[in-house]
C-alpha atoms as a PDB file:
ATOM      1  CA  MET A   1       5.317 -91.056  16.211  1.00  0.00           C
ATOM      2  CA  PRO A   2       9.100 -90.680  14.620  1.00  0.00           C
ATOM      3  CA  LYS A   3       8.852 -90.498  10.848  1.00  0.00           C
ATOM      4  CA  PRO A   4      11.669 -93.134   8.657  1.00  0.00           C
ATOM      5  CA  ARG A   5      15.655 -91.214   7.486  1.00  0.00           C
ATOM      6  CA  LEU A   6      15.126 -91.718   3.479  1.00  0.00           C
ATOM      7  CA  ALA A   7      18.468 -93.930   2.585  1.00  0.00           C
ATOM      8  CA  LEU A   8      19.018 -96.309  -0.276  1.00  0.00           C
ATOM      9  CA  HIS A   9      21.960 -99.538  -0.018  1.00  0.00           C
ATOM     10  CA  ILE A  10      24.272 -99.001  -2.990  1.00  0.00           C
ATOM     11  CA  GLY A  11      25.920-102.762  -3.964  1.00  0.00           C
ATOM     12  CA  ILE A  12      29.704-102.676  -5.604  1.00  0.00           C
ATOM     13  CA  ALA A  13      30.395-105.581  -7.913  1.00  0.00           C
ATOM     14  CA  GLY A  14      33.582-105.481 -10.391  1.00  0.00           C
ATOM     15  CA  HIS A  15      36.687-106.984 -11.742  1.00  0.00           C
ATOM     16  CA  ARG A  16      39.981-107.592  -9.700  1.00  0.00           C
ATOM     17  CA  ALA A  17      42.396-105.284  -9.503  1.00  0.00           C
ATOM     18  CA  ASN A  18      44.167-107.933 -12.790  1.00  0.00           C
ATOM     19  CA  LYS A  19      40.920-106.833 -15.175  1.00  0.00           C
ATOM     20  CA  LEU A  20      42.489-103.348 -14.633  1.00  0.00           C
ATOM     21  CA  GLY A  21      44.935-101.610 -16.518  1.00  0.00           C
ATOM     22  CA  PRO A  22      45.464 -97.739 -15.393  1.00  0.00           C
ATOM     23  CA  GLU A  23      43.999 -96.057 -17.687  1.00  0.00           C
ATOM     24  CA  SER A  24      41.109 -98.270 -16.973  1.00  0.00           C
ATOM     25  CA  ARG A  25      40.813 -97.715 -13.029  1.00  0.00           C
ATOM     26  CA  THR A  26      41.226 -93.737 -14.438  1.00  0.00           C
ATOM     27  CA  ALA A  27      38.261 -94.463 -16.653  1.00  0.00           C
ATOM     28  CA  VAL A  28      36.515 -96.693 -14.393  1.00  0.00           C
ATOM     29  CA  GLU A  29      36.669 -93.872 -11.374  1.00  0.00           C
ATOM     30  CA  HIS A  30      35.635 -90.578 -13.654  1.00  0.00           C
ATOM     31  CA  ALA A  31      32.585 -93.166 -14.677  1.00  0.00           C
ATOM     32  CA  LEU A  32      31.744 -94.019 -10.889  1.00  0.00           C
ATOM     33  CA  ARG A  33      31.451 -89.865 -10.073  1.00  0.00           C
ATOM     34  CA  THR A  34      29.599 -88.730 -12.654  1.00  0.00           C
ATOM     35  CA  LEU A  35      27.494 -91.777 -11.453  1.00  0.00           C
ATOM     36  CA  TYR A  36      27.616 -90.745  -7.707  1.00  0.00           C
ATOM     37  CA  GLU A  37      26.605 -87.041  -8.913  1.00  0.00           C
ATOM     38  CA  MET A  38      23.472 -87.770 -10.736  1.00  0.00           C
ATOM     39  CA  ILE A  39      22.751 -90.497  -7.869  1.00  0.00           C
ATOM     40  CA  GLY A  40      23.240 -87.989  -5.550  1.00  0.00           C
ATOM     41  CA  GLU A  41      21.190 -85.591  -7.033  1.00  0.00           C
ATOM     42  CA  ALA A  42      17.841 -87.826  -7.693  1.00  0.00           C
ATOM     43  CA  ILE A  43      18.463 -88.399  -3.785  1.00  0.00           C
ATOM     44  CA  ALA A  44      18.070 -84.922  -2.804  1.00  0.00           C
ATOM     45  CA  LYS A  45      15.051 -84.358  -5.247  1.00  0.00           C
ATOM     46  CA  ILE A  46      13.389 -87.030  -3.711  1.00  0.00           C
ATOM     47  CA  ALA A  47      13.888 -85.561  -0.383  1.00  0.00           C
ATOM     48  CA  LEU A  48      12.720 -82.123  -1.599  1.00  0.00           C
ATOM     49  CA  GLU A  49       9.573 -83.787  -2.107  1.00  0.00           C
ATOM     50  CA  THR A  50       9.261 -85.992   0.473  1.00  0.00           C
ATOM     51  CA  GLN A  51      11.076 -85.054   3.680  1.00  0.00           C
ATOM     52  CA  ASP A  52       8.375 -83.819   6.276  1.00  0.00           C
ATOM     53  CA  ARG A  53       5.637 -85.706   4.820  1.00  0.00           C
ATOM     54  CA  ILE A  54       7.519 -89.569   4.131  1.00  0.00           C
ATOM     55  CA  TYR A  55      10.909 -89.169   5.761  1.00  0.00           C
ATOM     56  CA  SER A  56      12.666 -87.158   8.083  1.00  0.00           C
ATOM     57  CA  THR A  57      13.944 -83.827   7.631  1.00  0.00           C
ATOM     58  CA  ALA A  58      17.214 -84.912   8.587  1.00  0.00           C
ATOM     59  CA  ALA A  59      19.919 -85.632   5.348  1.00  0.00           C
ATOM     60  CA  PRO A  60      19.243 -88.950   3.764  1.00  0.00           C
ATOM     61  CA  LEU A  61      22.053 -92.266   4.107  1.00  0.00           C
ATOM     62  CA  ILE A  62      23.452 -93.588   1.513  1.00  0.00           C
ATOM     63  CA  ARG A  63      25.289 -96.087   2.413  1.00  0.00           C
ATOM     64  CA  ILE A  64      28.436 -97.938   0.310  1.00  0.00           C
ATOM     65  CA  VAL A  65      28.096-101.832   0.097  1.00  0.00           C
ATOM     66  CA  SER A  66      30.992-103.873  -0.607  1.00  0.00           C
ATOM     67  CA  GLY A  67      33.161-106.755  -0.561  1.00  0.00           C
ATOM     68  CA  LEU A  68      36.396-104.290  -0.101  1.00  0.00           C
ATOM     69  CA  ALA A  69      38.180-106.469  -3.043  1.00  0.00           C
ATOM     70  CA  GLU A  70      41.546-105.047  -4.700  1.00  0.00           C
ATOM     71  CA  GLY A  71      40.229-103.311  -8.437  1.00  0.00           C
ATOM     72  CA  ALA A  72      36.447-102.512  -8.794  1.00  0.00           C
ATOM     73  CA  ASP A  73      35.334-102.699  -5.515  1.00  0.00           C
ATOM     74  CA  ARG A  74      37.840-100.078  -3.802  1.00  0.00           C
ATOM     75  CA  ILE A  75      37.876 -97.971  -6.718  1.00  0.00           C
ATOM     76  CA  ALA A  76      34.063 -97.282  -5.991  1.00  0.00           C
ATOM     77  CA  ILE A  77      34.847 -96.422  -2.481  1.00  0.00           C
ATOM     78  CA  THR A  78      37.897 -94.462  -3.445  1.00  0.00           C
ATOM     79  CA  ALA A  79      35.367 -92.585  -6.306  1.00  0.00           C
ATOM     80  CA  ALA A  80      32.569 -91.830  -3.511  1.00  0.00           C
ATOM     81  CA  PRO A  81      31.295 -89.210  -1.720  1.00  0.00           C
ATOM     82  CA  ALA A  82      33.410 -88.893   2.091  1.00  0.00           C
ATOM     83  CA  GLU A  83      30.146 -88.776   2.791  1.00  0.00           C
ATOM     84  CA  TRP A  84      28.212 -91.686   2.302  1.00  0.00           C
ATOM     85  CA  ARG A  85      28.559 -94.383   4.401  1.00  0.00           C
ATOM     86  CA  LEU A  86      30.499 -98.058   4.061  1.00  0.00           C
ATOM     87  CA  GLU A  87      29.652-100.915   5.062  1.00  0.00           C
ATOM     88  CA  ALA A  88      31.222-104.764   4.461  1.00  0.00           C
ATOM     89  CA  ILE A  89      30.204-108.159   3.532  1.00  0.00           C
ATOM     90  CA  LEU A  90      33.067-110.332   3.278  1.00  0.00           C
ATOM     91  CA  PRO A  91      32.437-113.565   1.304  1.00  0.00           C
ATOM     92  CA  MET A  92      34.734-115.089   4.659  1.00  0.00           C
ATOM     93  CA  PRO A  93      36.247-115.037   7.925  1.00  0.00           C
ATOM     94  CA  ARG A  94      38.509-112.064   7.861  1.00  0.00           C
ATOM     95  CA  ALA A  95      41.579-113.584   8.129  1.00  0.00           C
ATOM     96  CA  GLU A  96      40.925-116.496   5.450  1.00  0.00           C
ATOM     97  CA  TYR A  97      39.935-113.527   3.329  1.00  0.00           C
ATOM     98  CA  ALA A  98      43.055-111.274   3.996  1.00  0.00           C
ATOM     99  CA  ARG A  99      45.023-114.535   2.463  1.00  0.00           C
ATOM    100  CA  ASP A 100      43.986-112.979  -1.098  1.00  0.00           C
ATOM    101  CA  PHE A 101      45.617-110.103  -0.543  1.00  0.00           C
ATOM    102  CA  LEU A 102      48.900-111.692   0.343  1.00  0.00           C
ATOM    103  CA  GLY A 103      50.659-112.984  -2.643  1.00  0.00           C
ATOM    104  CA  SER A 104      50.362-110.287  -5.248  1.00  0.00           C
ATOM    105  CA  ALA A 105      52.858-108.134  -5.829  1.00  0.00           C
ATOM    106  CA  THR A 106      51.994-104.792  -3.889  1.00  0.00           C
ATOM    107  CA  ALA A 107      50.992-107.361  -0.871  1.00  0.00           C
ATOM    108  CA  SER A 108      51.848-104.952   2.017  1.00  0.00           C
ATOM    109  CA  ASP A 109      49.997-102.103   0.789  1.00  0.00           C
ATOM    110  CA  SER A 110      47.446-104.045  -0.792  1.00  0.00           C
ATOM    111  CA  ASN A 111      46.392-105.626   2.818  1.00  0.00           C
ATOM    112  CA  ALA A 112      47.156-102.522   4.765  1.00  0.00           C
ATOM    113  CA  GLU A 113      44.441-101.343   2.991  1.00  0.00           C
ATOM    114  CA  PHE A 114      42.225-103.761   3.112  1.00  0.00           C
ATOM    115  CA  GLU A 115      42.725-103.568   7.245  1.00  0.00           C
ATOM    116  CA  ARG A 116      41.603 -99.462   7.069  1.00  0.00           C
ATOM    117  CA  LEU A 117      39.219 -99.687   5.229  1.00  0.00           C
ATOM    118  CA  LEU A 118      37.651-102.304   7.507  1.00  0.00           C
ATOM    119  CA  ALA A 119      38.496 -99.933   9.845  1.00  0.00           C
ATOM    120  CA  ARG A 120      36.857 -97.354   8.862  1.00  0.00           C
ATOM    121  CA  ALA A 121      33.550 -99.393   7.754  1.00  0.00           C
ATOM    122  CA  ALA A 122      29.965 -98.539   9.909  1.00  0.00           C
ATOM    123  CA  SER A 123      29.547-102.544   9.937  1.00  0.00           C
ATOM    124  CA  VAL A 124      31.242-105.628   8.619  1.00  0.00           C
ATOM    125  CA  ILE A 125      29.333-108.674   7.553  1.00  0.00           C
ATOM    126  CA  GLU A 126      31.609-112.213   7.981  1.00  0.00           C
ATOM    127  CA  LEU A 127      29.884-114.174   6.019  1.00  0.00           C
ATOM    128  CA  PRO A 128      30.138-118.254   7.261  1.00  0.00           C
ATOM    129  CA  LEU A 129      32.378-120.471   5.477  1.00  0.00           C
ATOM    130  CA  LEU A 130      30.353-123.070   3.491  1.00  0.00           C
ATOM    131  CA  PRO A 131      29.689-126.319   5.116  1.00  0.00           C
ATOM    132  CA  GLY A 132      31.409-129.486   2.700  1.00  0.00           C
ATOM    133  CA  ILE A 133      33.203-126.897   0.901  1.00  0.00           C
ATOM    134  CA  ASP A 134      36.909-126.356   0.818  1.00  0.00           C
ATOM    135  CA  VAL A 135      37.235-122.143   0.741  1.00  0.00           C
ATOM    136  CA  ARG A 136      41.384-123.114  -0.268  1.00  0.00           C
ATOM    137  CA  ASP A 137      40.655-124.501  -3.185  1.00  0.00           C
ATOM    138  CA  ASP A 138      39.993-122.741  -6.418  1.00  0.00           C
ATOM    139  CA  VAL A 139      37.052-124.669  -7.493  1.00  0.00           C
ATOM    140  CA  GLY A 140      35.539-124.031  -3.360  1.00  0.00           C
ATOM    141  CA  ARG A 141      37.003-120.020  -3.405  1.00  0.00           C
ATOM    142  CA  ALA A 142      34.713-118.914  -6.237  1.00  0.00           C
ATOM    143  CA  GLN A 143      31.815-121.015  -4.684  1.00  0.00           C
ATOM    144  CA  HIS A 144      32.497-118.182  -1.698  1.00  0.00           C
ATOM    145  CA  TYR A 145      32.555-115.678  -4.414  1.00  0.00           C
ATOM    146  CA  HIS A 146      29.363-116.320  -5.456  1.00  0.00           C
ATOM    147  CA  ALA A 147      27.355-116.232  -2.340  1.00  0.00           C
ATOM    148  CA  LEU A 148      28.915-113.130  -1.553  1.00  0.00           C
ATOM    149  CA  ALA A 149      27.160-111.984  -4.328  1.00  0.00           C
ATOM    150  CA  ALA A 150      23.841-113.388  -3.743  1.00  0.00           C
ATOM    151  CA  PHE A 151      23.578-111.649  -0.163  1.00  0.00           C
ATOM    152  CA  LEU A 152      24.573-108.714  -1.073  1.00  0.00           C
ATOM    153  CA  VAL A 153      22.154-107.877  -4.071  1.00  0.00           C
ATOM    154  CA  ARG A 154      19.414-108.561  -1.063  1.00  0.00           C
ATOM    155  CA  GLN A 155      21.078-106.172   1.201  1.00  0.00           C
ATOM    156  CA  ILE A 156      20.802-103.630  -1.703  1.00  0.00           C
ATOM    157  CA  ASP A 157      18.678-101.056  -3.271  1.00  0.00           C
ATOM    158  CA  LEU A 158      20.760-100.496  -6.590  1.00  0.00           C
ATOM    159  CA  LEU A 159      23.553-102.328  -7.714  1.00  0.00           C
ATOM    160  CA  VAL A 160      26.583-100.711  -9.793  1.00  0.00           C
ATOM    161  CA  ALA A 161      28.597-103.462 -11.444  1.00  0.00           C
ATOM    162  CA  VAL A 162      31.897-102.955 -13.310  1.00  0.00           C
ATOM    163  CA  TRP A 163      32.265-105.350 -15.982  1.00  0.00           C
ATOM    164  CA  ASP A 164      33.829-105.514 -19.743  1.00  0.00           C
ATOM    165  CA  GLY A 165      32.147-107.360 -20.711  1.00  0.00           C
ATOM    166  CA  GLN A 166      33.582-110.304 -21.895  1.00  0.00           C
ATOM    167  CA  PRO A 167      31.923-113.788 -20.133  1.00  0.00           C
ATOM    168  CA  ALA A 168      33.318-114.303 -16.846  1.00  0.00           C
ATOM    169  CA  ASP A 169      36.415-116.764 -15.357  1.00  0.00           C
ATOM    170  CA  GLY A 170      34.605-119.113 -13.346  1.00  0.00           C
ATOM    171  CA  PRO A 171      31.715-118.848 -10.892  1.00  0.00           C
ATOM    172  CA  GLY A 172      31.958-115.876  -8.491  1.00  0.00           C
ATOM    173  CA  GLY A 173      32.769-114.117 -11.331  1.00  0.00           C
ATOM    174  CA  THR A 174      31.656-111.469 -12.369  1.00  0.00           C
ATOM    175  CA  ALA A 175      28.651-111.800 -15.035  1.00  0.00           C
ATOM    176  CA  GLY A 176      28.740-115.047 -14.123  1.00  0.00           C
ATOM    177  CA  VAL A 177      26.255-117.398 -15.687  1.00  0.00           C
ATOM    178  CA  ILE A 178      25.509-121.125 -14.090  1.00  0.00           C
ATOM    179  CA  VAL A 179      22.412-122.186 -16.338  1.00  0.00           C
ATOM    180  CA  PRO A 180      22.053-120.191 -18.570  1.00  0.00           C
ATOM    181  CA  PHE A 181      17.811-120.239 -20.596  1.00  0.00           C
ATOM    182  CA  ALA A 182      18.192-121.914 -23.951  1.00  0.00           C
ATOM    183  CA  GLY A 183      15.783-120.887 -27.051  1.00  0.00           C
ATOM    184  CA  SER A 184      12.442-118.407 -26.278  1.00  0.00           C
ATOM    185  CA  LEU A 185      11.052-118.538 -23.318  1.00  0.00           C
ATOM    186  CA  GLY A 186       7.478-119.018 -22.438  1.00  0.00           C
ATOM    187  CA  SER A 187       5.370-119.999 -19.387  1.00  0.00           C
ATOM    188  CA  PRO A 188       6.087-121.753 -17.880  1.00  0.00           C
ATOM    189  CA  ILE A 189       9.927-122.512 -18.365  1.00  0.00           C
ATOM    190  CA  ALA A 190      10.783-126.129 -18.059  1.00  0.00           C
ATOM    191  CA  GLY A 191      14.527-127.785 -18.390  1.00  0.00           C
ATOM    192  CA  SER A 192      16.794-130.277 -16.815  1.00  0.00           C
ATOM    193  CA  GLN A 193      21.006-129.051 -16.261  1.00  0.00           C
ATOM    194  CA  LYS A 194      23.029-131.546 -13.923  1.00  0.00           C
ATOM    195  CA  LEU A 195      24.883-129.764 -11.453  1.00  0.00           C
ATOM    196  CA  THR A 196      28.225-130.334 -10.003  1.00  0.00           C
ATOM    197  CA  ALA A 197      28.425-131.291  -6.171  1.00  0.00           C
ATOM    198  CA  PRO A 198      29.370-127.685  -5.850  1.00  0.00           C
ATOM    199  CA  GLN A 199      26.535-126.008  -7.613  1.00  0.00           C
ATOM    200  CA  ILE A 200      24.309-128.661  -5.280  1.00  0.00           C
ATOM    201  CA  ALA A 201      25.351-127.492  -2.003  1.00  0.00           C
ATOM    202  CA  GLY A 202      25.334-123.245  -3.476  1.00  0.00           C
ATOM    203  CA  LEU A 203      21.851-124.121  -4.618  1.00  0.00           C
ATOM    204  CA  ARG A 204      20.635-125.809  -1.565  1.00  0.00           C
ATOM    205  CA  SER A 205      22.413-122.404   0.751  1.00  0.00           C
ATOM    206  CA  GLY A 206      19.886-120.778  -0.565  1.00  0.00           C
ATOM    207  CA  LEU A 207      22.261-119.158  -3.392  1.00  0.00           C
ATOM    208  CA  TRP A 208      21.108-119.055  -6.676  1.00  0.00           C
ATOM    209  CA  TYR A 209      19.026-117.019  -8.637  1.00  0.00           C
ATOM    210  CA  VAL A 210      17.092-115.832 -11.555  1.00  0.00           C
ATOM    211  CA  ASN A 211      18.205-113.094 -14.315  1.00  0.00           C
ATOM    212  CA  LEU A 212      15.338-112.426 -16.862  1.00  0.00           C
ATOM    213  CA  HIS A 213      16.891-109.911 -19.267  1.00  0.00           C
ATOM    214  CA  THR A 214      15.130-107.669 -21.937  1.00  0.00           C
ATOM    215  CA  ALA A 215      15.694-105.281 -24.949  1.00  0.00           C
ATOM    216  CA  ALA A 216      14.251-102.286 -22.338  1.00  0.00           C
ATOM    217  CA  PHE A 217      16.416-103.906 -19.554  1.00  0.00           C
ATOM    218  CA  PRO A 218      19.129-105.538 -21.206  1.00  0.00           C
ATOM    219  CA  GLY A 219      21.364-105.644 -17.384  1.00  0.00           C
ATOM    220  CA  GLY A 220      18.096-107.190 -15.912  1.00  0.00           C
ATOM    221  CA  GLU A 221      14.423-106.804 -15.933  1.00  0.00           C
ATOM    222  CA  ILE A 222      13.116-108.852 -13.016  1.00  0.00           C
ATOM    223  CA  ARG A 223      14.945-111.263 -11.060  1.00  0.00           C
ATOM    224  CA  GLY A 224      13.956-114.061  -8.369  1.00  0.00           C
ATOM    225  CA  GLN A 225      15.741-117.089  -5.425  1.00  0.00           C
ATOM    226  CA  VAL A 226      16.001-120.393  -6.537  1.00  0.00           C
ATOM    227  CA  THR A 227      15.389-123.003  -4.244  1.00  0.00           C
ATOM    228  CA  ALA A 228      14.943-126.218  -4.675  1.00  0.00           C
ATOM    229  CA  ALA A 229      12.396-128.813  -4.120  1.00  0.00           C
ATOM    230  CA  GLN A 230      11.360-130.823  -1.207  1.00  0.00           C
END
């Protein structure tokens, strides 16, 4: 029976171009190249230890999974080794998403880069519009970005996030928290929160999850999807 190929899916999340100046972009790209080198070395070690015993002898397949947005998404793609495969997940249908890049000062260049990345991608997923949510409204559009984040984390093995350490500007932003836990946590965890109509729609669509952070794992030690009770 044929053995599977060793593979790794790396998801990308981070700030848009308006939060990344020239110095920040250079620093982020350098940090990502260093991280990618570490990931490559780790995968090579795993391959050496497991190929022909668990996995096939084919070269490990590493995929970058990205929404192709301006800023961190595209920096992360540029910094990745050429042999890594690009897979795109768009937060809404392609034509609607392209409107994001037409309003910038470098609209023609940004949109052209978007099209080049789409052509390069080995696969492209266009998430459908959320029912009852106006994608042309700022709040509604943010809900679609949040839906992208929720979908993306379910498709990957490792998430690389470019974050400035500041609270998110709104739903769908980097480091966004909709309902924080208050006080010390016990078991079971109980509480209440009044939700807005878009938040209710997101919950019913399966876009919410709980992420628990600890001192040992400040980025998050365990997470689980939230479903609405029937």
